Amino acid sequence: MAKPGAGVWQCSFDDEFTGTALNTRNWVVQQTATSGYTNGTGAGTVCYLNSPNNVSVAGGYLNLTVRTEPNAFICPDPAGNFTTQYTSGMVSSYGLFSQAYGLFEVSAKLPAATTKGLQETLWLWPSNDIKYGAWPGSGEIDFGEFYSQYPTLDVPYVHYNAATPDPNVTAYNCTIANGNQFHTYGVEWTTSSITILYDSKTCLVDQWHPAWPLVAPQPFNQPFLIALTQALGVGTNAYVRGVTPLPATTQIDWVRAWK
């Protein structure tokens, strides 16, 4: 694959999700019990589990599913156990693969939801998430961010502490033709720019300028890992019982990275 300008990309990561089980050489299943990671609000708080009901591989796809359990249960959480009836799936390449700069792409099909309550994120997270300070000081790149109240949009977001307000950290013009079909969502990350891609077309370019004492290319100058998340929404996109369609599944056809 040719790089823009000159040179050729070399593949550094590839998972096509063949077989019947998650490749544990590439992925770790996120669990609230061990990581404290969760999302949603109030009674709609999600417990992330390593369960085939939430994370599975079949038919050439990775399936990440948020669902209502038959009964409320206590979700173990290092920050404090909580009661919920909602579980979901997330995987990341934590401790297995990370890379600074390059091209990252995911082929994904979103749930067929047009009412609020669901959120999906395809993102990059710093391997050392406190290197330049607590979030968002060390950065985060959400190249695929989806809210079911806006079913026709990818709303990407580049998180960091900017020197001055940065108008290019997000965009609301990245229109998805049909999110319930497979599309390619990606990011091209260089030492000077972060370009968000949708089906290989540019929908956002950010040339970041960090607040003192950082200088560019900090904080985006260290390896980042890949994360794929199915969630319930928050804020104006919060889950509404009886309105938000559950179960809901994001399917991943493949994940690839180049350098």
C-alpha atoms as a PDB file:
ATOM      1  CA  MET A   1       0.000   0.000   0.000  1.00  0.00           C
ATOM      2  CA  ALA A   2       1.444   3.348  -1.072  1.00  0.00           C
ATOM      3  CA  LYS A   3       1.843   6.116   1.482  1.00  0.00           C
ATOM      4  CA  PRO A   4       0.570   9.578   0.606  1.00  0.00           C
ATOM      5  CA  GLY A   5       3.479  11.445  -0.913  1.00  0.00           C
ATOM      6  CA  ALA A   6       6.108   8.734  -1.120  1.00  0.00           C
ATOM      7  CA  GLY A   7       7.054   5.354   0.241  1.00  0.00           C
ATOM      8  CA  VAL A   8       5.085   2.226   1.039  1.00  0.00           C
ATOM      9  CA  TRP A   9       3.230   1.254   4.213  1.00  0.00           C
ATOM     10  CA  GLN A  10       4.417  -1.936   5.868  1.00  0.00           C
ATOM     11  CA  CYS A  11       1.771  -3.968   7.702  1.00  0.00           C
ATOM     12  CA  SER A  12       2.534  -4.171  11.426  1.00  0.00           C
ATOM     13  CA  PHE A  13      -0.738  -5.639  12.761  1.00  0.00           C
ATOM     14  CA  ASP A  14      -3.526  -7.660  11.138  1.00  0.00           C
ATOM     15  CA  ASP A  15      -6.444  -9.614  12.578  1.00  0.00           C
ATOM     16  CA  GLU A  16      -9.096 -10.980  10.209  1.00  0.00           C
ATOM     17  CA  PHE A  17     -11.019 -12.801  12.982  1.00  0.00           C
ATOM     18  CA  THR A  18     -10.966 -16.197  11.345  1.00  0.00           C
ATOM     19  CA  GLY A  19     -11.680 -19.230  13.483  1.00  0.00           C
ATOM     20  CA  THR A  20     -14.007 -19.505  16.447  1.00  0.00           C
ATOM     21  CA  ALA A  21     -12.101 -17.798  19.268  1.00  0.00           C
ATOM     22  CA  LEU A  22     -10.475 -14.461  19.972  1.00  0.00           C
ATOM     23  CA  ASN A  23      -6.763 -14.412  19.187  1.00  0.00           C
ATOM     24  CA  THR A  24      -5.279 -13.785  22.629  1.00  0.00           C
ATOM     25  CA  ARG A  25      -1.905 -12.980  21.062  1.00  0.00           C
ATOM     26  CA  ASN A  26      -3.557  -9.828  19.694  1.00  0.00           C
ATOM     27  CA  TRP A  27      -6.317  -8.951  22.160  1.00  0.00           C
ATOM     28  CA  VAL A  28      -7.180  -8.703  25.832  1.00  0.00           C
ATOM     29  CA  VAL A  29     -10.846  -8.714  26.854  1.00  0.00           C
ATOM     30  CA  GLN A  30     -11.632  -5.694  29.029  1.00  0.00           C
ATOM     31  CA  GLN A  31     -13.175  -6.596  32.381  1.00  0.00           C
ATOM     32  CA  THR A  32     -14.547  -4.146  34.908  1.00  0.00           C
ATOM     33  CA  ALA A  33     -13.491  -6.497  37.704  1.00  0.00           C
ATOM     34  CA  THR A  34      -9.795  -6.164  36.882  1.00  0.00           C
ATOM     35  CA  SER A  35      -9.575  -2.738  35.229  1.00  0.00           C
ATOM     36  CA  GLY A  36     -12.363  -0.682  36.770  1.00  0.00           C
ATOM     37  CA  TYR A  37     -13.390   0.345  33.261  1.00  0.00           C
ATOM     38  CA  THR A  38     -17.100   0.978  32.768  1.00  0.00           C
ATOM     39  CA  ASN A  39     -19.465   3.460  31.153  1.00  0.00           C
ATOM     40  CA  GLY A  40     -23.100   4.457  31.079  1.00  0.00           C
ATOM     41  CA  THR A  41     -24.805   6.270  33.933  1.00  0.00           C
ATOM     42  CA  GLY A  42     -26.940   5.405  36.927  1.00  0.00           C
ATOM     43  CA  ALA A  43     -28.998   2.261  36.488  1.00  0.00           C
ATOM     44  CA  GLY A  44     -27.599   2.043  32.933  1.00  0.00           C
ATOM     45  CA  THR A  45     -23.992   1.542  34.035  1.00  0.00           C
ATOM     46  CA  VAL A  46     -22.282  -1.226  32.081  1.00  0.00           C
ATOM     47  CA  CYS A  47     -20.292  -4.109  33.525  1.00  0.00           C
ATOM     48  CA  TYR A  48     -17.641  -5.382  31.100  1.00  0.00           C
ATOM     49  CA  LEU A  49     -17.257  -9.154  31.174  1.00  0.00           C
ATOM     50  CA  ASN A  50     -15.145 -11.828  29.500  1.00  0.00           C
ATOM     51  CA  SER A  51     -18.189 -13.752  28.342  1.00  0.00           C
ATOM     52  CA  PRO A  52     -19.128 -15.244  24.951  1.00  0.00           C
ATOM     53  CA  ASN A  53     -22.422 -13.396  25.352  1.00  0.00           C
ATOM     54  CA  ASN A  54     -20.457 -10.148  25.059  1.00  0.00           C
ATOM     55  CA  VAL A  55     -17.257 -10.982  23.149  1.00  0.00           C
ATOM     56  CA  SER A  56     -17.224 -13.696  20.494  1.00  0.00           C
ATOM     57  CA  VAL A  57     -15.657 -14.605  17.161  1.00  0.00           C
ATOM     58  CA  ALA A  58     -17.748 -16.370  14.530  1.00  0.00           C
ATOM     59  CA  GLY A  59     -18.202 -16.345  10.770  1.00  0.00           C
ATOM     60  CA  GLY A  60     -15.120 -14.186  10.256  1.00  0.00           C
ATOM     61  CA  TYR A  61     -16.265 -11.421  12.615  1.00  0.00           C
ATOM     62  CA  LEU A  62     -15.539 -10.171  16.104  1.00  0.00           C
ATOM     63  CA  ASN A  63     -18.836  -9.481  17.884  1.00  0.00           C
ATOM     64  CA  LEU A  64     -19.036  -6.966  20.735  1.00  0.00           C
ATOM     65  CA  THR A  65     -22.474  -7.037  22.366  1.00  0.00           C
ATOM     66  CA  VAL A  66     -24.196  -4.930  25.003  1.00  0.00           C
ATOM     67  CA  ARG A  67     -27.180  -6.667  26.545  1.00  0.00           C
ATOM     68  CA  THR A  68     -29.716  -6.706  29.350  1.00  0.00           C
ATOM     69  CA  GLU A  69     -29.193  -9.598  31.735  1.00  0.00           C
ATOM     70  CA  PRO A  70     -32.232 -11.488  33.069  1.00  0.00           C
ATOM     71  CA  ASN A  71     -31.637 -10.163  36.583  1.00  0.00           C
ATOM     72  CA  ALA A  72     -29.712  -7.374  38.259  1.00  0.00           C
ATOM     73  CA  PHE A  73     -26.346  -8.463  39.661  1.00  0.00           C
ATOM     74  CA  ILE A  74     -23.384  -7.006  41.533  1.00  0.00           C
ATOM     75  CA  CYS A  75     -20.551  -6.023  39.181  1.00  0.00           C
ATOM     76  CA  PRO A  76     -17.148  -6.245  40.894  1.00  0.00           C
ATOM     77  CA  ASP A  77     -15.210  -3.017  40.444  1.00  0.00           C
ATOM     78  CA  PRO A  78     -11.942  -1.972  42.115  1.00  0.00           C
ATOM     79  CA  ALA A  79     -13.432   1.506  42.492  1.00  0.00           C
ATOM     80  CA  GLY A  80     -16.486   0.089  44.278  1.00  0.00           C
ATOM     81  CA  ASN A  81     -18.891  -2.689  43.373  1.00  0.00           C
ATOM     82  CA  PHE A  82     -22.179  -1.625  41.814  1.00  0.00           C
ATOM     83  CA  THR A  83     -25.502  -3.182  40.885  1.00  0.00           C
ATOM     84  CA  THR A  84     -26.515  -3.297  37.253  1.00  0.00           C
ATOM     85  CA  GLN A  85     -28.434  -5.353  34.720  1.00  0.00           C
ATOM     86  CA  TYR A  86     -26.241  -4.440  31.739  1.00  0.00           C
ATOM     87  CA  THR A  87     -23.126  -6.134  30.392  1.00  0.00           C
ATOM     88  CA  SER A  88     -21.012  -5.410  27.341  1.00  0.00           C
ATOM     89  CA  GLY A  89     -17.886  -6.284  25.395  1.00  0.00           C
ATOM     90  CA  MET A  90     -14.614  -4.520  24.717  1.00  0.00           C
ATOM     91  CA  VAL A  91     -11.170  -5.653  23.591  1.00  0.00           C
ATOM     92  CA  SER A  92      -7.813  -3.926  23.378  1.00  0.00           C
ATOM     93  CA  SER A  93      -4.265  -4.728  22.344  1.00  0.00           C
ATOM     94  CA  TYR A  94      -2.999  -3.727  25.806  1.00  0.00           C
ATOM     95  CA  GLY A  95       0.404  -5.280  26.492  1.00  0.00           C
ATOM     96  CA  LEU A  96       0.385  -7.033  23.115  1.00  0.00           C
ATOM     97  CA  PHE A  97       0.635  -4.388  20.390  1.00  0.00           C
ATOM     98  CA  SER A  98       1.224  -0.654  20.350  1.00  0.00           C
ATOM     99  CA  GLN A  99       2.733   1.723  17.825  1.00  0.00           C
ATOM    100  CA  ALA A 100       3.685   5.363  17.472  1.00  0.00           C
ATOM    101  CA  TYR A 101       2.624   6.893  14.159  1.00  0.00           C
ATOM    102  CA  GLY A 102       1.314   5.050  11.120  1.00  0.00           C
ATOM    103  CA  LEU A 103      -2.021   4.105   9.625  1.00  0.00           C
ATOM    104  CA  PHE A 104      -4.671   2.287  11.670  1.00  0.00           C
ATOM    105  CA  GLU A 105      -7.924   0.993  10.142  1.00  0.00           C
ATOM    106  CA  VAL A 106     -10.960  -0.979  11.307  1.00  0.00           C
ATOM    107  CA  SER A 107     -13.736  -2.444   9.169  1.00  0.00           C
ATOM    108  CA  ALA A 108     -16.869  -2.271  11.319  1.00  0.00           C
ATOM    109  CA  LYS A 109     -20.650  -2.593  11.128  1.00  0.00           C
ATOM    110  CA  LEU A 110     -22.618  -0.705  13.767  1.00  0.00           C
ATOM    111  CA  PRO A 111     -25.915  -1.686  15.408  1.00  0.00           C
ATOM    112  CA  ALA A 112     -29.016  -0.745  13.416  1.00  0.00           C
ATOM    113  CA  ALA A 113     -30.236   1.787  15.978  1.00  0.00           C
ATOM    114  CA  THR A 114     -31.696   5.218  15.267  1.00  0.00           C
ATOM    115  CA  THR A 115     -32.752   6.100  18.819  1.00  0.00           C
ATOM    116  CA  LYS A 116     -30.503   7.242  21.636  1.00  0.00           C
ATOM    117  CA  GLY A 117     -28.739   4.998  24.106  1.00  0.00           C
ATOM    118  CA  LEU A 118     -25.876   3.263  22.279  1.00  0.00           C
ATOM    119  CA  GLN A 119     -22.264   4.340  21.840  1.00  0.00           C
ATOM    120  CA  GLU A 120     -19.419   2.654  19.963  1.00  0.00           C
ATOM    121  CA  THR A 121     -15.771   3.708  19.904  1.00  0.00           C
ATOM    122  CA  LEU A 122     -12.802   2.653  17.779  1.00  0.00           C
ATOM    123  CA  TRP A 123      -9.824   4.314  19.405  1.00  0.00           C
ATOM    124  CA  LEU A 124      -6.150   4.562  20.268  1.00  0.00           C
ATOM    125  CA  TRP A 125      -4.972   4.875  23.864  1.00  0.00           C
ATOM    126  CA  PRO A 126      -1.430   5.704  25.089  1.00  0.00           C
ATOM    127  CA  SER A 127       0.590   2.734  26.306  1.00  0.00           C
ATOM    128  CA  ASN A 128       1.815   4.934  29.168  1.00  0.00           C
ATOM    129  CA  ASP A 129      -1.358   6.835  30.000  1.00  0.00           C
ATOM    130  CA  ILE A 130       0.266   9.029  32.646  1.00  0.00           C
ATOM    131  CA  LYS A 131       3.472   9.878  30.785  1.00  0.00           C
ATOM    132  CA  TYR A 132       2.334  13.469  30.250  1.00  0.00           C
ATOM    133  CA  GLY A 133      -0.203  13.565  33.040  1.00  0.00           C
ATOM    134  CA  ALA A 134      -3.630  12.128  33.717  1.00  0.00           C
ATOM    135  CA  TRP A 135      -6.256  12.068  30.974  1.00  0.00           C
ATOM    136  CA  PRO A 136      -6.392  13.916  28.650  1.00  0.00           C
ATOM    137  CA  GLY A 137      -2.809  15.043  29.220  1.00  0.00           C
ATOM    138  CA  SER A 138      -1.262  11.955  27.638  1.00  0.00           C
ATOM    139  CA  GLY A 139      -3.673  11.941  24.690  1.00  0.00           C
ATOM    140  CA  GLU A 140      -6.399   9.788  23.166  1.00  0.00           C
ATOM    141  CA  ILE A 141      -7.444   9.369  19.528  1.00  0.00           C
ATOM    142  CA  ASP A 142     -11.087   8.384  18.921  1.00  0.00           C
ATOM    143  CA  PHE A 143     -11.104   7.862  15.172  1.00  0.00           C
ATOM    144  CA  GLY A 144     -14.487   6.166  15.239  1.00  0.00           C
ATOM    145  CA  GLU A 145     -17.003   7.592  17.745  1.00  0.00           C
ATOM    146  CA  PHE A 146     -20.674   6.801  17.238  1.00  0.00           C
ATOM    147  CA  TYR A 147     -23.811   7.883  19.099  1.00  0.00           C
ATOM    148  CA  SER A 148     -27.113   6.257  18.181  1.00  0.00           C
ATOM    149  CA  GLN A 149     -28.943   9.578  18.561  1.00  0.00           C
ATOM    150  CA  TYR A 150     -26.834  10.681  15.531  1.00  0.00           C
ATOM    151  CA  PRO A 151     -27.051   7.503  13.412  1.00  0.00           C
ATOM    152  CA  THR A 152     -25.583   9.120  10.283  1.00  0.00           C
ATOM    153  CA  LEU A 153     -22.406  10.503  11.877  1.00  0.00           C
ATOM    154  CA  ASP A 154     -18.941   9.472  12.908  1.00  0.00           C
ATOM    155  CA  VAL A 155     -17.952  12.056  15.524  1.00  0.00           C
ATOM    156  CA  PRO A 156     -14.175  11.588  15.969  1.00  0.00           C
ATOM    157  CA  TYR A 157     -12.313  13.308  18.774  1.00  0.00           C
ATOM    158  CA  VAL A 158      -8.625  13.978  19.437  1.00  0.00           C
ATOM    159  CA  HIS A 159      -8.166  14.417  23.198  1.00  0.00           C
ATOM    160  CA  TYR A 160      -5.237  16.377  24.646  1.00  0.00           C
ATOM    161  CA  ASN A 161      -4.526  19.594  26.549  1.00  0.00           C
ATOM    162  CA  ALA A 162      -4.272  22.288  23.882  1.00  0.00           C
ATOM    163  CA  ALA A 163      -2.290  25.506  24.210  1.00  0.00           C
ATOM    164  CA  THR A 164      -5.284  27.428  22.860  1.00  0.00           C
ATOM    165  CA  PRO A 165      -8.761  26.209  21.870  1.00  0.00           C
ATOM    166  CA  ASP A 166      -8.293  23.760  19.000  1.00  0.00           C
ATOM    167  CA  PRO A 167     -11.208  23.801  16.513  1.00  0.00           C
ATOM    168  CA  ASN A 168      -9.964  20.662  14.797  1.00  0.00           C
ATOM    169  CA  VAL A 169     -10.161  18.138  17.637  1.00  0.00           C
ATOM    170  CA  THR A 170     -13.613  17.008  16.494  1.00  0.00           C
ATOM    171  CA  ALA A 171     -15.982  17.229  13.537  1.00  0.00           C
ATOM    172  CA  TYR A 172     -19.694  16.818  12.881  1.00  0.00           C
ATOM    173  CA  ASN A 173     -19.524  16.500   9.101  1.00  0.00           C
ATOM    174  CA  CYS A 174     -18.247  12.937   8.798  1.00  0.00           C
ATOM    175  CA  THR A 175     -21.443  11.476   7.349  1.00  0.00           C
ATOM    176  CA  ILE A 176     -21.935   7.707   7.274  1.00  0.00           C
ATOM    177  CA  ALA A 177     -23.973   6.409   4.349  1.00  0.00           C
ATOM    178  CA  ASN A 178     -25.323   3.459   6.364  1.00  0.00           C
ATOM    179  CA  GLY A 179     -23.667   2.522   9.622  1.00  0.00           C
ATOM    180  CA  ASN A 180     -25.345  -0.886   9.606  1.00  0.00           C
ATOM    181  CA  GLN A 181     -23.142  -1.861   6.679  1.00  0.00           C
ATOM    182  CA  PHE A 182     -19.399  -2.410   6.850  1.00  0.00           C
ATOM    183  CA  HIS A 183     -17.296   0.711   6.456  1.00  0.00           C
ATOM    184  CA  THR A 184     -13.616   1.388   7.021  1.00  0.00           C
ATOM    185  CA  TYR A 185     -12.764   3.827   9.816  1.00  0.00           C
ATOM    186  CA  GLY A 186      -9.173   4.898  10.256  1.00  0.00           C
ATOM    187  CA  VAL A 187      -6.518   7.359  11.303  1.00  0.00           C
ATOM    188  CA  GLU A 188      -3.254   8.379   9.680  1.00  0.00           C
ATOM    189  CA  TRP A 189      -0.938   9.654  12.384  1.00  0.00           C
ATOM    190  CA  THR A 190       2.344  11.445  11.669  1.00  0.00           C
ATOM    191  CA  THR A 191       4.719  13.540  13.766  1.00  0.00           C
ATOM    192  CA  SER A 192       2.770  16.667  12.834  1.00  0.00           C
ATOM    193  CA  SER A 193      -0.832  15.710  12.048  1.00  0.00           C
ATOM    194  CA  ILE A 194      -3.676  13.341  12.865  1.00  0.00           C
ATOM    195  CA  THR A 195      -5.973  12.647   9.918  1.00  0.00           C
ATOM    196  CA  ILE A 196      -9.282  10.866  10.550  1.00  0.00           C
ATOM    197  CA  LEU A 197     -10.512   8.751   7.636  1.00  0.00           C
ATOM    198  CA  TYR A 198     -13.868   7.294   6.633  1.00  0.00           C
ATOM    199  CA  ASP A 199     -13.761   4.818   3.738  1.00  0.00           C
ATOM    200  CA  SER A 200     -10.311   6.275   2.927  1.00  0.00           C
ATOM    201  CA  LYS A 201     -11.719   9.816   2.666  1.00  0.00           C
ATOM    202  CA  THR A 202     -10.509  12.573   4.991  1.00  0.00           C
ATOM    203  CA  CYS A 203     -13.040  13.984   7.429  1.00  0.00           C
ATOM    204  CA  LEU A 204     -10.761  15.701   9.986  1.00  0.00           C
ATOM    205  CA  VAL A 205      -7.154  16.891  10.162  1.00  0.00           C
ATOM    206  CA  ASP A 206      -5.674  18.108  13.433  1.00  0.00           C
ATOM    207  CA  GLN A 207      -2.208  19.617  13.783  1.00  0.00           C
ATOM    208  CA  TRP A 208      -2.053  19.689  17.544  1.00  0.00           C
ATOM    209  CA  HIS A 209      -0.393  22.329  19.698  1.00  0.00           C
ATOM    210  CA  PRO A 210      -0.065  21.155  23.301  1.00  0.00           C
ATOM    211  CA  ALA A 211      -0.160  23.387  26.343  1.00  0.00           C
ATOM    212  CA  TRP A 212       3.072  24.182  28.209  1.00  0.00           C
ATOM    213  CA  PRO A 213       5.252  22.465  29.336  1.00  0.00           C
ATOM    214  CA  LEU A 214       4.685  20.055  26.425  1.00  0.00           C
ATOM    215  CA  VAL A 215       5.892  20.793  22.913  1.00  0.00           C
ATOM    216  CA  ALA A 216       4.768  19.079  19.710  1.00  0.00           C
ATOM    217  CA  PRO A 217       4.816  16.248  18.869  1.00  0.00           C
ATOM    218  CA  GLN A 218       4.071  15.555  22.559  1.00  0.00           C
ATOM    219  CA  PRO A 219       1.807  13.976  23.774  1.00  0.00           C
ATOM    220  CA  PHE A 220       1.358  12.070  20.505  1.00  0.00           C
ATOM    221  CA  ASN A 221       4.923  10.814  20.337  1.00  0.00           C
ATOM    222  CA  GLN A 222       4.698   7.511  22.165  1.00  0.00           C
ATOM    223  CA  PRO A 223       3.143   4.145  21.240  1.00  0.00           C
ATOM    224  CA  PHE A 224      -0.636   3.878  21.438  1.00  0.00           C
ATOM    225  CA  LEU A 225      -2.662   0.652  21.660  1.00  0.00           C
ATOM    226  CA  ILE A 226      -5.872  -0.216  19.788  1.00  0.00           C
ATOM    227  CA  ALA A 227      -9.220  -0.452  21.606  1.00  0.00           C
ATOM    228  CA  LEU A 228     -12.685  -1.451  20.346  1.00  0.00           C
ATOM    229  CA  THR A 229     -15.680  -0.701  22.555  1.00  0.00           C
ATOM    230  CA  GLN A 230     -19.429  -1.329  22.564  1.00  0.00           C
ATOM    231  CA  ALA A 231     -21.137   0.795  25.213  1.00  0.00           C
ATOM    232  CA  LEU A 232     -24.294   2.400  26.443  1.00  0.00           C
ATOM    233  CA  GLY A 233     -24.551   6.134  25.980  1.00  0.00           C
ATOM    234  CA  VAL A 234     -24.293   9.046  28.393  1.00  0.00           C
ATOM    235  CA  GLY A 235     -25.539  12.621  28.506  1.00  0.00           C
ATOM    236  CA  THR A 236     -28.113  13.441  25.845  1.00  0.00           C
ATOM    237  CA  ASN A 237     -27.428  10.005  24.355  1.00  0.00           C
ATOM    238  CA  ALA A 238     -28.059   8.149  27.627  1.00  0.00           C
ATOM    239  CA  TYR A 239     -29.699   4.727  27.604  1.00  0.00           C
ATOM    240  CA  VAL A 240     -33.498   4.711  27.965  1.00  0.00           C
ATOM    241  CA  ARG A 241     -35.078   1.465  29.088  1.00  0.00           C
ATOM    242  CA  GLY A 242     -37.704   0.342  26.619  1.00  0.00           C
ATOM    243  CA  VAL A 243     -36.453   2.753  23.952  1.00  0.00           C
ATOM    244  CA  THR A 244     -32.825   1.793  23.323  1.00  0.00           C
ATOM    245  CA  PRO A 245     -32.805  -1.500  21.374  1.00  0.00           C
ATOM    246  CA  LEU A 246     -30.945  -4.284  23.205  1.00  0.00           C
ATOM    247  CA  PRO A 247     -29.084  -6.497  22.671  1.00  0.00           C
ATOM    248  CA  ALA A 248     -26.925  -4.473  20.282  1.00  0.00           C
ATOM    249  CA  THR A 249     -23.801  -5.718  18.529  1.00  0.00           C
ATOM    250  CA  THR A 250     -20.917  -4.065  16.747  1.00  0.00           C
ATOM    251  CA  GLN A 251     -19.278  -6.439  14.274  1.00  0.00           C
ATOM    252  CA  ILE A 252     -15.603  -6.082  13.342  1.00  0.00           C
ATOM    253  CA  ASP A 253     -14.474  -7.649  10.060  1.00  0.00           C
ATOM    254  CA  TRP A 254     -10.792  -6.800  10.405  1.00  0.00           C
ATOM    255  CA  VAL A 255      -8.268  -4.560  12.176  1.00  0.00           C
ATOM    256  CA  ARG A 256      -5.018  -3.522  10.481  1.00  0.00           C
ATOM    257  CA  ALA A 257      -2.099  -1.226  11.203  1.00  0.00           C
ATOM    258  CA  TRP A 258       0.760  -0.068   9.033  1.00  0.00           C
ATOM    259  CA  LYS A 259       3.969   1.823   9.689  1.00  0.00           C
END
